[in-house]
């Protein structure tokens, strides 16, 4: 048993009064919200929305018209590409440039890799 649990059990058995723990029920929303977003998994969704909105500015109008970011999971951005030829061009030629621009705009912790999928 942990010492704190042991002391609680002994105090309860002896009939000693419990120490009441008072919690600070008033907290600013700015202090609570980041932790709540992280626990609910919404922080990554927020980044996903930001990436989707900036996609056409990062890759250009032509590529944006034929591709779309579909998910951001654990730092990996998944992008749906319509044609296999464009998939090849993005995967082999433009991937490093696109990844560099994404990391510059959103940071290396948010986006670590980009994966293209035909579909």
PDB file of N, CA and C in Angstrom:
ATOM      1  N   UNK A   1       0.829  -1.181   0.000  1.00  0.00           N
ATOM      2  CA  UNK A   1       0.000   0.000   0.000  1.00  0.00           C
ATOM      3  C   UNK A   1       0.874   1.245   0.000  1.00  0.00           C
ATOM      4  N   UNK A   2       0.415   2.240  -0.651  1.00  0.00           N
ATOM      5  CA  UNK A   2       1.127   3.502  -0.662  1.00  0.00           C
ATOM      6  C   UNK A   2       1.016   4.138   0.725  1.00  0.00           C
ATOM      7  N   UNK A   3       2.033   4.903   1.120  1.00  0.00           N
ATOM      8  CA  UNK A   3       1.979   5.539   2.450  1.00  0.00           C
ATOM      9  C   UNK A   3       0.758   6.435   2.623  1.00  0.00           C
ATOM     10  N   UNK A   4       0.380   7.148   1.597  1.00  0.00           N
ATOM     11  CA  UNK A   4      -0.765   8.042   1.752  1.00  0.00           C
ATOM     12  C   UNK A   4      -2.058   7.246   1.883  1.00  0.00           C
ATOM     13  N   UNK A   5      -2.178   6.169   1.138  1.00  0.00           N
ATOM     14  CA  UNK A   5      -3.363   5.320   1.229  1.00  0.00           C
ATOM     15  C   UNK A   5      -3.391   4.619   2.584  1.00  0.00           C
ATOM     16  N   UNK A   6      -2.238   4.166   3.022  1.00  0.00           N
ATOM     17  CA  UNK A   6      -2.138   3.492   4.321  1.00  0.00           C
ATOM     18  C   UNK A   6      -2.553   4.430   5.442  1.00  0.00           C
ATOM     19  N   UNK A   7      -2.051   5.664   5.378  1.00  0.00           N
ATOM     20  CA  UNK A   7      -2.397   6.615   6.438  1.00  0.00           C
ATOM     21  C   UNK A   7      -3.883   6.963   6.395  1.00  0.00           C
ATOM     22  N   UNK A   8      -4.478   6.999   5.226  1.00  0.00           N
ATOM     23  CA  UNK A   8      -5.914   7.256   5.125  1.00  0.00           C
ATOM     24  C   UNK A   8      -6.723   6.117   5.738  1.00  0.00           C
ATOM     25  N   UNK A   9      -6.298   4.884   5.434  1.00  0.00           N
ATOM     26  CA  UNK A   9      -7.010   3.721   5.971  1.00  0.00           C
ATOM     27  C   UNK A   9      -6.900   3.692   7.497  1.00  0.00           C
ATOM     28  N   UNK A  10      -5.705   3.948   8.036  1.00  0.00           N
ATOM     29  CA  UNK A  10      -5.514   3.942   9.492  1.00  0.00           C
ATOM     30  C   UNK A  10      -6.313   5.071  10.137  1.00  0.00           C
ATOM     31  N   UNK A  11      -6.308   6.247   9.514  1.00  0.00           N
ATOM     32  CA  UNK A  11      -7.060   7.380  10.064  1.00  0.00           C
ATOM     33  C   UNK A  11      -8.552   7.078  10.049  1.00  0.00           C
ATOM     34  N   UNK A  12      -9.021   6.419   8.988  1.00  0.00           N
ATOM     35  CA  UNK A  12     -10.444   6.065   8.929  1.00  0.00           C
ATOM     36  C   UNK A  12     -10.776   5.023   9.995  1.00  0.00           C
ATOM     37  N   UNK A  13      -9.896   4.056  10.187  1.00  0.00           N
ATOM     38  CA  UNK A  13     -10.115   3.000  11.168  1.00  0.00           C
ATOM     39  C   UNK A  13     -10.130   3.573  12.585  1.00  0.00           C
ATOM     40  N   UNK A  14      -9.253   4.556  12.833  1.00  0.00           N
ATOM     41  CA  UNK A  14      -9.186   5.171  14.160  1.00  0.00           C
ATOM     42  C   UNK A  14     -10.325   6.153  14.383  1.00  0.00           C
ATOM     43  N   UNK A  15     -10.968   6.587  13.315  1.00  0.00           N
ATOM     44  CA  UNK A  15     -12.060   7.530  13.454  1.00  0.00           C
ATOM     45  C   UNK A  15     -11.602   8.973  13.511  1.00  0.00           C
ATOM     46  N   UNK A  16     -10.411   9.238  12.999  1.00  0.00           N
ATOM     47  CA  UNK A  16      -9.908  10.608  12.995  1.00  0.00           C
ATOM     48  C   UNK A  16     -10.605  11.408  11.895  1.00  0.00           C
ATOM     49  N   UNK A  17     -10.749  12.692  12.113  1.00  0.00           N
ATOM     50  CA  UNK A  17     -11.393  13.508  11.064  1.00  0.00           C
ATOM     51  C   UNK A  17     -10.501  13.593   9.813  1.00  0.00           C
ATOM     52  N   UNK A  18     -11.165  13.606   8.666  1.00  0.00           N
ATOM     53  CA  UNK A  18     -10.435  13.676   7.401  1.00  0.00           C
ATOM     54  C   UNK A  18     -10.024  15.103   7.105  1.00  0.00           C
ATOM     55  N   UNK A  19      -8.899  15.225   6.449  1.00  0.00           N
ATOM     56  CA  UNK A  19      -8.489  16.531   5.965  1.00  0.00           C
ATOM     57  C   UNK A  19      -9.225  16.780   4.651  1.00  0.00           C
ATOM     58  N   UNK A  20      -9.894  17.872   4.592  1.00  0.00           N
ATOM     59  CA  UNK A  20     -10.645  18.201   3.383  1.00  0.00           C
ATOM     60  C   UNK A  20      -9.711  18.885   2.381  1.00  0.00           C
ATOM     61  N   UNK A  21      -9.765  18.409   1.166  1.00  0.00           N
ATOM     62  CA  UNK A  21      -8.979  19.011   0.097  1.00  0.00           C
ATOM     63  C   UNK A  21      -9.876  19.992  -0.634  1.00  0.00           C
ATOM     64  N   UNK A  22      -9.436  21.210  -0.698  1.00  0.00           N
ATOM     65  CA  UNK A  22     -10.221  22.208  -1.413  1.00  0.00           C
ATOM     66  C   UNK A  22      -9.619  22.403  -2.798  1.00  0.00           C
ATOM     67  N   UNK A  23     -10.473  22.342  -3.768  1.00  0.00           N
ATOM     68  CA  UNK A  23     -10.047  22.529  -5.141  1.00  0.00           C
ATOM     69  C   UNK A  23     -10.406  23.938  -5.593  1.00  0.00           C
ATOM     70  N   UNK A  24      -9.561  24.469  -6.435  1.00  0.00           N
ATOM     71  CA  UNK A  24      -9.835  25.779  -6.998  1.00  0.00           C
ATOM     72  C   UNK A  24     -10.821  25.583  -8.150  1.00  0.00           C
ATOM     73  N   UNK A  25     -12.059  25.896  -7.903  1.00  0.00           N
ATOM     74  CA  UNK A  25     -13.091  25.674  -8.915  1.00  0.00           C
ATOM     75  C   UNK A  25     -13.110  26.766  -9.974  1.00  0.00           C
ATOM     76  N   UNK A  26     -12.480  27.858  -9.684  1.00  0.00           N
ATOM     77  CA  UNK A  26     -12.469  28.963 -10.626  1.00  0.00           C
ATOM     78  C   UNK A  26     -11.126  28.998 -11.330  1.00  0.00           C
ATOM     79  N   UNK A  27     -11.167  28.788 -12.629  1.00  0.00           N
ATOM     80  CA  UNK A  27      -9.953  28.853 -13.436  1.00  0.00           C
ATOM     81  C   UNK A  27     -10.292  29.562 -14.745  1.00  0.00           C
ATOM     82  N   UNK A  28      -9.333  30.234 -15.265  1.00  0.00           N
ATOM     83  CA  UNK A  28      -9.553  30.954 -16.514  1.00  0.00           C
ATOM     84  C   UNK A  28      -9.679  29.952 -17.665  1.00  0.00           C
ATOM     85  N   UNK A  29     -10.510  30.275 -18.611  1.00  0.00           N
ATOM     86  CA  UNK A  29     -10.708  29.392 -19.763  1.00  0.00           C
ATOM     87  C   UNK A  29      -9.410  29.202 -20.538  1.00  0.00           C
ATOM     88  N   UNK A  30      -8.592  30.214 -20.593  1.00  0.00           N
ATOM     89  CA  UNK A  30      -7.316  30.123 -21.301  1.00  0.00           C
ATOM     90  C   UNK A  30      -6.377  29.113 -20.648  1.00  0.00           C
ATOM     91  N   UNK A  31      -6.537  28.879 -19.346  1.00  0.00           N
ATOM     92  CA  UNK A  31      -5.706  27.901 -18.653  1.00  0.00           C
ATOM     93  C   UNK A  31      -6.224  26.486 -18.838  1.00  0.00           C
ATOM     94  N   UNK A  32      -7.517  26.330 -18.957  1.00  0.00           N
ATOM     95  CA  UNK A  32      -8.140  25.008 -19.013  1.00  0.00           C
ATOM     96  C   UNK A  32      -8.249  24.474 -20.439  1.00  0.00           C
ATOM     97  N   UNK A  33      -8.511  25.342 -21.390  1.00  0.00           N
ATOM     98  CA  UNK A  33      -8.827  24.946 -22.756  1.00  0.00           C
ATOM     99  C   UNK A  33      -7.725  24.157 -23.466  1.00  0.00           C
ATOM    100  N   UNK A  34      -6.445  24.545 -23.408  1.00  0.00           N
ATOM    101  CA  UNK A  34      -5.426  23.748 -24.107  1.00  0.00           C
ATOM    102  C   UNK A  34      -5.349  22.294 -23.634  1.00  0.00           C
ATOM    103  N   UNK A  35      -5.433  22.084 -22.345  1.00  0.00           N
ATOM    104  CA  UNK A  35      -5.409  20.714 -21.824  1.00  0.00           C
ATOM    105  C   UNK A  35      -6.632  19.921 -22.240  1.00  0.00           C
ATOM    106  N   UNK A  36      -7.775  20.581 -22.258  1.00  0.00           N
ATOM    107  CA  UNK A  36      -9.008  19.929 -22.674  1.00  0.00           C
ATOM    108  C   UNK A  36      -8.960  19.550 -24.150  1.00  0.00           C
ATOM    109  N   UNK A  37      -8.472  20.455 -24.988  1.00  0.00           N
ATOM    110  CA  UNK A  37      -8.334  20.155 -26.412  1.00  0.00           C
ATOM    111  C   UNK A  37      -7.402  18.977 -26.636  1.00  0.00           C
ATOM    112  N   UNK A  38      -6.317  18.929 -25.879  1.00  0.00           N
ATOM    113  CA  UNK A  38      -5.357  17.831 -26.018  1.00  0.00           C
ATOM    114  C   UNK A  38      -5.978  16.501 -25.609  1.00  0.00           C
ATOM    115  N   UNK A  39      -6.711  16.497 -24.480  1.00  0.00           N
ATOM    116  CA  UNK A  39      -7.326  15.252 -24.008  1.00  0.00           C
ATOM    117  C   UNK A  39      -8.388  14.737 -24.958  1.00  0.00           C
ATOM    118  N   UNK A  40      -9.137  15.629 -25.578  1.00  0.00           N
ATOM    119  CA  UNK A  40     -10.202  15.223 -26.491  1.00  0.00           C
ATOM    120  C   UNK A  40      -9.698  14.941 -27.904  1.00  0.00           C
ATOM    121  N   UNK A  41      -8.435  15.256 -28.188  1.00  0.00           N
ATOM    122  CA  UNK A  41      -7.887  15.027 -29.504  1.00  0.00           C
ATOM    123  C   UNK A  41      -8.311  16.072 -30.521  1.00  0.00           C
ATOM    124  N   UNK A  42      -8.777  17.210 -30.046  1.00  0.00           N
ATOM    125  CA  UNK A  42      -9.257  18.243 -30.952  1.00  0.00           C
ATOM    126  C   UNK A  42      -8.147  19.186 -31.411  1.00  0.00           C
ATOM    127  N   UNK A  43      -7.036  19.173 -30.724  1.00  0.00           N
ATOM    128  CA  UNK A  43      -5.942  20.060 -31.105  1.00  0.00           C
ATOM    129  C   UNK A  43      -5.398  19.672 -32.472  1.00  0.00           C
ATOM    130  N   UNK A  44      -5.268  18.377 -32.702  1.00  0.00           N
ATOM    131  CA  UNK A  44      -4.795  17.896 -33.999  1.00  0.00           C
ATOM    132  C   UNK A  44      -5.812  18.193 -35.093  1.00  0.00           C
ATOM    133  N   UNK A  45      -7.095  18.120 -34.761  1.00  0.00           N
ATOM    134  CA  UNK A  45      -8.142  18.456 -35.728  1.00  0.00           C
ATOM    135  C   UNK A  45      -8.086  19.926 -36.100  1.00  0.00           C
ATOM    136  N   UNK A  46      -7.746  20.764 -35.146  1.00  0.00           N
ATOM    137  CA  UNK A  46      -7.619  22.185 -35.411  1.00  0.00           C
ATOM    138  C   UNK A  46      -6.482  22.437 -36.392  1.00  0.00           C
ATOM    139  N   UNK A  47      -5.349  21.750 -36.191  1.00  0.00           N
ATOM    140  CA  UNK A  47      -4.226  21.873 -37.117  1.00  0.00           C
ATOM    141  C   UNK A  47      -4.604  21.334 -38.493  1.00  0.00           C
ATOM    142  N   UNK A  48      -5.369  20.264 -38.519  1.00  0.00           N
ATOM    143  CA  UNK A  48      -5.810  19.669 -39.773  1.00  0.00           C
ATOM    144  C   UNK A  48      -6.633  20.669 -40.590  1.00  0.00           C
ATOM    145  N   UNK A  49      -7.495  21.406 -39.932  1.00  0.00           N
ATOM    146  CA  UNK A  49      -8.309  22.415 -40.606  1.00  0.00           C
ATOM    147  C   UNK A  49      -7.438  23.552 -41.132  1.00  0.00           C
ATOM    148  N   UNK A  50      -6.463  23.976 -40.349  1.00  0.00           N
ATOM    149  CA  UNK A  50      -5.560  25.041 -40.789  1.00  0.00           C
ATOM    150  C   UNK A  50      -4.759  24.616 -42.012  1.00  0.00           C
ATOM    151  N   UNK A  51      -4.293  23.369 -42.029  1.00  0.00           N
ATOM    152  CA  UNK A  51      -3.523  22.865 -43.176  1.00  0.00           C
ATOM    153  C   UNK A  51      -4.413  22.806 -44.410  1.00  0.00           C
ATOM    154  N   UNK A  52      -5.646  22.351 -44.257  1.00  0.00           N
ATOM    155  CA  UNK A  52      -6.563  22.268 -45.398  1.00  0.00           C
ATOM    156  C   UNK A  52      -6.838  23.649 -45.985  1.00  0.00           C
ATOM    157  N   UNK A  53      -6.946  24.655 -45.145  1.00  0.00           N
ATOM    158  CA  UNK A  53      -7.204  26.006 -45.624  1.00  0.00           C
ATOM    159  C   UNK A  53      -5.994  26.593 -46.337  1.00  0.00           C
ATOM    160  N   UNK A  54      -4.794  26.237 -45.918  1.00  0.00           N
ATOM    161  CA  UNK A  54      -3.578  26.799 -46.505  1.00  0.00           C
ATOM    162  C   UNK A  54      -3.020  25.953 -47.644  1.00  0.00           C
ATOM    163  N   UNK A  55      -3.635  24.822 -47.945  1.00  0.00           N
ATOM    164  CA  UNK A  55      -3.098  23.884 -48.929  1.00  0.00           C
ATOM    165  C   UNK A  55      -2.893  24.530 -50.304  1.00  0.00           C
ATOM    166  N   UNK A  56      -3.867  25.266 -50.799  1.00  0.00           N
ATOM    167  CA  UNK A  56      -3.740  25.852 -52.139  1.00  0.00           C
ATOM    168  C   UNK A  56      -2.636  26.911 -52.194  1.00  0.00           C
ATOM    169  N   UNK A  57      -2.405  27.627 -51.124  1.00  0.00           N
ATOM    170  CA  UNK A  57      -1.329  28.621 -51.101  1.00  0.00           C
ATOM    171  C   UNK A  57       0.039  27.959 -51.059  1.00  0.00           C
ATOM    172  N   UNK A  58       0.121  26.794 -50.441  1.00  0.00           N
ATOM    173  CA  UNK A  58       1.403  26.115 -50.304  1.00  0.00           C
ATOM    174  C   UNK A  58       1.799  25.403 -51.591  1.00  0.00           C
ATOM    175  N   UNK A  59       0.850  24.691 -52.212  1.00  0.00           N
ATOM    176  CA  UNK A  59       1.198  23.872 -53.382  1.00  0.00           C
ATOM    177  C   UNK A  59       0.876  24.515 -54.715  1.00  0.00           C
ATOM    178  N   UNK A  60       0.067  25.550 -54.727  1.00  0.00           N
ATOM    179  CA  UNK A  60      -0.311  26.180 -55.984  1.00  0.00           C
ATOM    180  C   UNK A  60      -1.708  25.753 -56.413  1.00  0.00           C
ATOM    181  N   UNK A  61      -2.290  26.515 -57.324  1.00  0.00           N
ATOM    182  CA  UNK A  61      -3.675  26.294 -57.739  1.00  0.00           C
ATOM    183  C   UNK A  61      -3.873  24.975 -58.482  1.00  0.00           C
ATOM    184  N   UNK A  62      -2.964  24.622 -59.389  1.00  0.00           N
ATOM    185  CA  UNK A  62      -3.139  23.409 -60.187  1.00  0.00           C
ATOM    186  C   UNK A  62      -3.125  22.155 -59.313  1.00  0.00           C
ATOM    187  N   UNK A  63      -2.125  22.050 -58.474  1.00  0.00           N
ATOM    188  CA  UNK A  63      -2.018  20.861 -57.607  1.00  0.00           C
ATOM    189  C   UNK A  63      -3.164  20.849 -56.605  1.00  0.00           C
ATOM    190  N   UNK A  64      -3.544  22.002 -56.095  1.00  0.00           N
ATOM    191  CA  UNK A  64      -4.649  22.075 -55.134  1.00  0.00           C
ATOM    192  C   UNK A  64      -5.967  21.667 -55.779  1.00  0.00           C
ATOM    193  N   UNK A  65      -6.132  21.930 -57.076  1.00  0.00           N
ATOM    194  CA  UNK A  65      -7.360  21.538 -57.766  1.00  0.00           C
ATOM    195  C   UNK A  65      -7.447  20.035 -57.963  1.00  0.00           C
ATOM    196  N   UNK A  66      -6.315  19.338 -57.943  1.00  0.00           N
ATOM    197  CA  UNK A  66      -6.290  17.898 -58.191  1.00  0.00           C
ATOM    198  C   UNK A  66      -5.875  17.084 -56.965  1.00  0.00           C
ATOM    199  N   UNK A  67      -5.804  17.725 -55.808  1.00  0.00           N
ATOM    200  CA  UNK A  67      -5.445  17.017 -54.576  1.00  0.00           C
ATOM    201  C   UNK A  67      -6.080  17.725 -53.393  1.00  0.00           C
ATOM    202  N   UNK A  68      -6.142  17.003 -52.287  1.00  0.00           N
ATOM    203  CA  UNK A  68      -6.705  17.581 -51.064  1.00  0.00           C
ATOM    204  C   UNK A  68      -6.159  16.846 -49.845  1.00  0.00           C
ATOM    205  N   UNK A  69      -5.777  17.582 -48.805  1.00  0.00           N
ATOM    206  CA  UNK A  69      -5.374  16.914 -47.561  1.00  0.00           C
ATOM    207  C   UNK A  69      -6.605  16.305 -46.900  1.00  0.00           C
ATOM    208  N   UNK A  70      -6.487  15.045 -46.495  1.00  0.00           N
ATOM    209  CA  UNK A  70      -7.647  14.359 -45.912  1.00  0.00           C
ATOM    210  C   UNK A  70      -7.499  14.089 -44.423  1.00  0.00           C
ATOM    211  N   UNK A  71      -6.259  13.993 -43.935  1.00  0.00           N
ATOM    212  CA  UNK A  71      -6.086  13.702 -42.506  1.00  0.00           C
ATOM    213  C   UNK A  71      -4.696  14.115 -42.045  1.00  0.00           C
ATOM    214  N   UNK A  72      -4.594  14.430 -40.774  1.00  0.00           N
ATOM    215  CA  UNK A  72      -3.322  14.715 -40.117  1.00  0.00           C
ATOM    216  C   UNK A  72      -3.286  13.857 -38.861  1.00  0.00           C
ATOM    217  N   UNK A  73      -2.499  12.800 -38.902  1.00  0.00           N
ATOM    218  CA  UNK A  73      -2.420  11.864 -37.779  1.00  0.00           C
ATOM    219  C   UNK A  73      -0.983  11.713 -37.320  1.00  0.00           C
ATOM    220  N   UNK A  74      -0.727  12.049 -36.078  1.00  0.00           N
ATOM    221  CA  UNK A  74       0.580  11.895 -35.436  1.00  0.00           C
ATOM    222  C   UNK A  74       1.701  12.525 -36.254  1.00  0.00           C
ATOM    223  N   UNK A  75       1.445  13.696 -36.804  1.00  0.00           N
ATOM    224  CA  UNK A  75       2.458  14.424 -37.548  1.00  0.00           C
ATOM    225  C   UNK A  75       2.582  14.058 -39.012  1.00  0.00           C
ATOM    226  N   UNK A  76       1.762  13.138 -39.490  1.00  0.00           N
ATOM    227  CA  UNK A  76       1.803  12.724 -40.892  1.00  0.00           C
ATOM    228  C   UNK A  76       0.561  13.259 -41.587  1.00  0.00           C
ATOM    229  N   UNK A  77       0.783  14.042 -42.644  1.00  0.00           N
ATOM    230  CA  UNK A  77      -0.312  14.602 -43.428  1.00  0.00           C
ATOM    231  C   UNK A  77      -0.609  13.669 -44.596  1.00  0.00           C
ATOM    232  N   UNK A  78      -1.835  13.178 -44.674  1.00  0.00           N
ATOM    233  CA  UNK A  78      -2.259  12.308 -45.763  1.00  0.00           C
ATOM    234  C   UNK A  78      -3.006  13.148 -46.792  1.00  0.00           C
ATOM    235  N   UNK A  79      -2.585  13.014 -48.057  1.00  0.00           N
ATOM    236  CA  UNK A  79      -3.147  13.825 -49.129  1.00  0.00           C
ATOM    237  C   UNK A  79      -3.712  12.899 -50.202  1.00  0.00           C
ATOM    238  N   UNK A  80      -4.967  13.168 -50.585  1.00  0.00           N
ATOM    239  CA  UNK A  80      -5.613  12.405 -51.665  1.00  0.00           C
ATOM    240  C   UNK A  80      -5.291  13.090 -52.980  1.00  0.00           C
ATOM    241  N   UNK A  81      -4.826  12.295 -53.949  1.00  0.00           N
ATOM    242  CA  UNK A  81      -4.463  12.796 -55.271  1.00  0.00           C
ATOM    243  C   UNK A  81      -5.347  12.093 -56.285  1.00  0.00           C
ATOM    244  N   UNK A  82      -5.844  12.830 -57.287  1.00  0.00           N
ATOM    245  CA  UNK A  82      -6.802  12.274 -58.230  1.00  0.00           C
ATOM    246  C   UNK A  82      -6.162  11.412 -59.316  1.00  0.00           C
ATOM    247  N   UNK A  83      -5.019  11.810 -59.879  1.00  0.00           N
ATOM    248  CA  UNK A  83      -4.403  11.069 -60.981  1.00  0.00           C
ATOM    249  C   UNK A  83      -3.099  10.407 -60.546  1.00  0.00           C
ATOM    250  N   UNK A  84      -2.834   9.198 -61.058  1.00  0.00           N
ATOM    251  CA  UNK A  84      -1.564   8.529 -60.753  1.00  0.00           C
ATOM    252  C   UNK A  84      -0.339   9.305 -61.242  1.00  0.00           C
ATOM    253  N   UNK A  85      -0.469  10.016 -62.368  1.00  0.00           N
ATOM    254  CA  UNK A  85       0.665  10.787 -62.877  1.00  0.00           C
ATOM    255  C   UNK A  85       1.022  11.918 -61.908  1.00  0.00           C
ATOM    256  N   UNK A  86       0.028  12.572 -61.379  1.00  0.00           N
ATOM    257  CA  UNK A  86       0.273  13.635 -60.402  1.00  0.00           C
ATOM    258  C   UNK A  86       0.829  13.048 -59.102  1.00  0.00           C
ATOM    259  N   UNK A  87       0.345  11.870 -58.726  1.00  0.00           N
ATOM    260  CA  UNK A  87       0.871  11.187 -57.544  1.00  0.00           C
ATOM    261  C   UNK A  87       2.367  10.941 -57.699  1.00  0.00           C
ATOM    262  N   UNK A  88       2.767  10.453 -58.855  1.00  0.00           N
ATOM    263  CA  UNK A  88       4.184  10.191 -59.105  1.00  0.00           C
ATOM    264  C   UNK A  88       4.991  11.484 -59.026  1.00  0.00           C
ATOM    265  N   UNK A  89       4.491  12.532 -59.647  1.00  0.00           N
ATOM    266  CA  UNK A  89       5.196  13.812 -59.662  1.00  0.00           C
ATOM    267  C   UNK A  89       5.339  14.374 -58.251  1.00  0.00           C
ATOM    268  N   UNK A  90       4.275  14.282 -57.457  1.00  0.00           N
ATOM    269  CA  UNK A  90       4.325  14.789 -56.083  1.00  0.00           C
ATOM    270  C   UNK A  90       5.247  13.946 -55.216  1.00  0.00           C
ATOM    271  N   UNK A  91       5.151  12.644 -55.341  1.00  0.00           N
ATOM    272  CA  UNK A  91       5.933  11.737 -54.495  1.00  0.00           C
ATOM    273  C   UNK A  91       7.425  11.796 -54.823  1.00  0.00           C
ATOM    274  N   UNK A  92       7.760  11.835 -56.087  1.00  0.00           N
ATOM    275  CA  UNK A  92       9.163  11.740 -56.485  1.00  0.00           C
ATOM    276  C   UNK A  92       9.867  13.089 -56.600  1.00  0.00           C
ATOM    277  N   UNK A  93       9.147  14.110 -57.020  1.00  0.00           N
ATOM    278  CA  UNK A  93       9.804  15.378 -57.342  1.00  0.00           C
ATOM    279  C   UNK A  93       9.491  16.476 -56.326  1.00  0.00           C
ATOM    280  N   UNK A  94       8.233  16.673 -56.012  1.00  0.00           N
ATOM    281  CA  UNK A  94       7.823  17.845 -55.226  1.00  0.00           C
ATOM    282  C   UNK A  94       7.664  17.604 -53.735  1.00  0.00           C
ATOM    283  N   UNK A  95       7.786  16.376 -53.287  1.00  0.00           N
ATOM    284  CA  UNK A  95       7.514  16.065 -51.879  1.00  0.00           C
ATOM    285  C   UNK A  95       8.408  16.848 -50.924  1.00  0.00           C
ATOM    286  N   UNK A  96       9.688  16.901 -51.194  1.00  0.00           N
ATOM    287  CA  UNK A  96      10.609  17.593 -50.273  1.00  0.00           C
ATOM    288  C   UNK A  96      10.315  19.090 -50.210  1.00  0.00           C
ATOM    289  N   UNK A  97       9.970  19.675 -51.346  1.00  0.00           N
ATOM    290  CA  UNK A  97       9.650  21.104 -51.370  1.00  0.00           C
ATOM    291  C   UNK A  97       8.349  21.386 -50.613  1.00  0.00           C
ATOM    292  N   UNK A  98       7.332  20.563 -50.834  1.00  0.00           N
ATOM    293  CA  UNK A  98       6.046  20.734 -50.140  1.00  0.00           C
ATOM    294  C   UNK A  98       6.227  20.537 -48.638  1.00  0.00           C
ATOM    295  N   UNK A  99       6.978  19.520 -48.265  1.00  0.00           N
ATOM    296  CA  UNK A  99       7.222  19.244 -46.839  1.00  0.00           C
ATOM    297  C   UNK A  99       7.986  20.398 -46.187  1.00  0.00           C
ATOM    298  N   UNK A 100       8.949  20.958 -46.888  1.00  0.00           N
ATOM    299  CA  UNK A 100       9.708  22.098 -46.362  1.00  0.00           C
ATOM    300  C   UNK A 100       8.780  23.294 -46.131  1.00  0.00           C
ATOM    301  N   UNK A 101       7.893  23.568 -47.074  1.00  0.00           N
ATOM    302  CA  UNK A 101       6.959  24.688 -46.929  1.00  0.00           C
ATOM    303  C   UNK A 101       5.976  24.452 -45.774  1.00  0.00           C
ATOM    304  N   UNK A 102       5.499  23.220 -45.649  1.00  0.00           N
ATOM    305  CA  UNK A 102       4.571  22.903 -44.563  1.00  0.00           C
ATOM    306  C   UNK A 102       5.242  23.043 -43.200  1.00  0.00           C
ATOM    307  N   UNK A 103       6.463  22.546 -43.091  1.00  0.00           N
ATOM    308  CA  UNK A 103       7.193  22.654 -41.821  1.00  0.00           C
ATOM    309  C   UNK A 103       7.490  24.107 -41.483  1.00  0.00           C
ATOM    310  N   UNK A 104       7.797  24.903 -42.513  1.00  0.00           N
ATOM    311  CA  UNK A 104       8.077  26.305 -42.275  1.00  0.00           C
ATOM    312  C   UNK A 104       6.825  27.031 -41.781  1.00  0.00           C
ATOM    313  N   UNK A 105       5.680  26.693 -42.337  1.00  0.00           N
ATOM    314  CA  UNK A 105       4.438  27.392 -41.974  1.00  0.00           C
ATOM    315  C   UNK A 105       3.848  26.903 -40.653  1.00  0.00           C
ATOM    316  N   UNK A 106       3.864  25.570 -40.427  1.00  0.00           N
ATOM    317  CA  UNK A 106       3.184  25.020 -39.250  1.00  0.00           C
ATOM    318  C   UNK A 106       4.120  24.492 -38.173  1.00  0.00           C
ATOM    319  N   UNK A 107       5.389  24.343 -38.488  1.00  0.00           N
ATOM    320  CA  UNK A 107       6.349  23.861 -37.503  1.00  0.00           C
ATOM    321  C   UNK A 107       6.629  22.377 -37.669  1.00  0.00           C
ATOM    322  N   UNK A 108       7.845  21.964 -37.336  1.00  0.00           N
ATOM    323  CA  UNK A 108       8.224  20.553 -37.513  1.00  0.00           C
ATOM    324  C   UNK A 108       7.555  19.595 -36.530  1.00  0.00           C
ATOM    325  N   UNK A 109       7.011  20.103 -35.431  1.00  0.00           N
ATOM    326  CA  UNK A 109       6.330  19.215 -34.486  1.00  0.00           C
ATOM    327  C   UNK A 109       4.940  18.840 -34.978  1.00  0.00           C
ATOM    328  N   UNK A 110       4.316  19.730 -35.729  1.00  0.00           N
ATOM    329  CA  UNK A 110       2.955  19.467 -36.210  1.00  0.00           C
ATOM    330  C   UNK A 110       2.979  18.581 -37.438  1.00  0.00           C
ATOM    331  N   UNK A 111       3.867  18.873 -38.391  1.00  0.00           N
ATOM    332  CA  UNK A 111       3.948  18.080 -39.621  1.00  0.00           C
ATOM    333  C   UNK A 111       5.361  17.541 -39.761  1.00  0.00           C
ATOM    334  N   UNK A 112       5.475  16.210 -39.728  1.00  0.00           N
ATOM    335  CA  UNK A 112       6.770  15.547 -39.882  1.00  0.00           C
ATOM    336  C   UNK A 112       6.938  14.929 -41.252  1.00  0.00           C
ATOM    337  N   UNK A 113       5.822  14.516 -41.872  1.00  0.00           N
ATOM    338  CA  UNK A 113       5.907  13.807 -43.158  1.00  0.00           C
ATOM    339  C   UNK A 113       4.619  14.043 -43.940  1.00  0.00           C
ATOM    340  N   UNK A 114       4.700  13.828 -45.260  1.00  0.00           N
ATOM    341  CA  UNK A 114       3.543  13.928 -46.136  1.00  0.00           C
ATOM    342  C   UNK A 114       3.464  12.619 -46.916  1.00  0.00           C
ATOM    343  N   UNK A 115       2.270  12.054 -46.977  1.00  0.00           N
ATOM    344  CA  UNK A 115       2.054  10.826 -47.749  1.00  0.00           C
ATOM    345  C   UNK A 115       0.913  11.051 -48.726  1.00  0.00           C
ATOM    346  N   UNK A 116       1.186  10.724 -49.969  1.00  0.00           N
ATOM    347  CA  UNK A 116       0.202  10.921 -51.030  1.00  0.00           C
ATOM    348  C   UNK A 116      -0.449   9.584 -51.363  1.00  0.00           C
ATOM    349  N   UNK A 117      -1.765   9.629 -51.628  1.00  0.00           N
ATOM    350  CA  UNK A 117      -2.509   8.417 -51.983  1.00  0.00           C
ATOM    351  C   UNK A 117      -3.425   8.737 -53.149  1.00  0.00           C
ATOM    352  N   UNK A 118      -3.474   7.816 -54.100  1.00  0.00           N
ATOM    353  CA  UNK A 118      -4.353   7.982 -55.246  1.00  0.00           C
ATOM    354  C   UNK A 118      -5.744   7.551 -54.827  1.00  0.00           C
ATOM    355  N   UNK A 119      -6.725   8.350 -55.186  1.00  0.00           N
ATOM    356  CA  UNK A 119      -8.091   7.960 -54.840  1.00  0.00           C
ATOM    357  C   UNK A 119      -9.025   9.050 -54.952  1.00  0.00           C
TER     358      UNK A 119
END
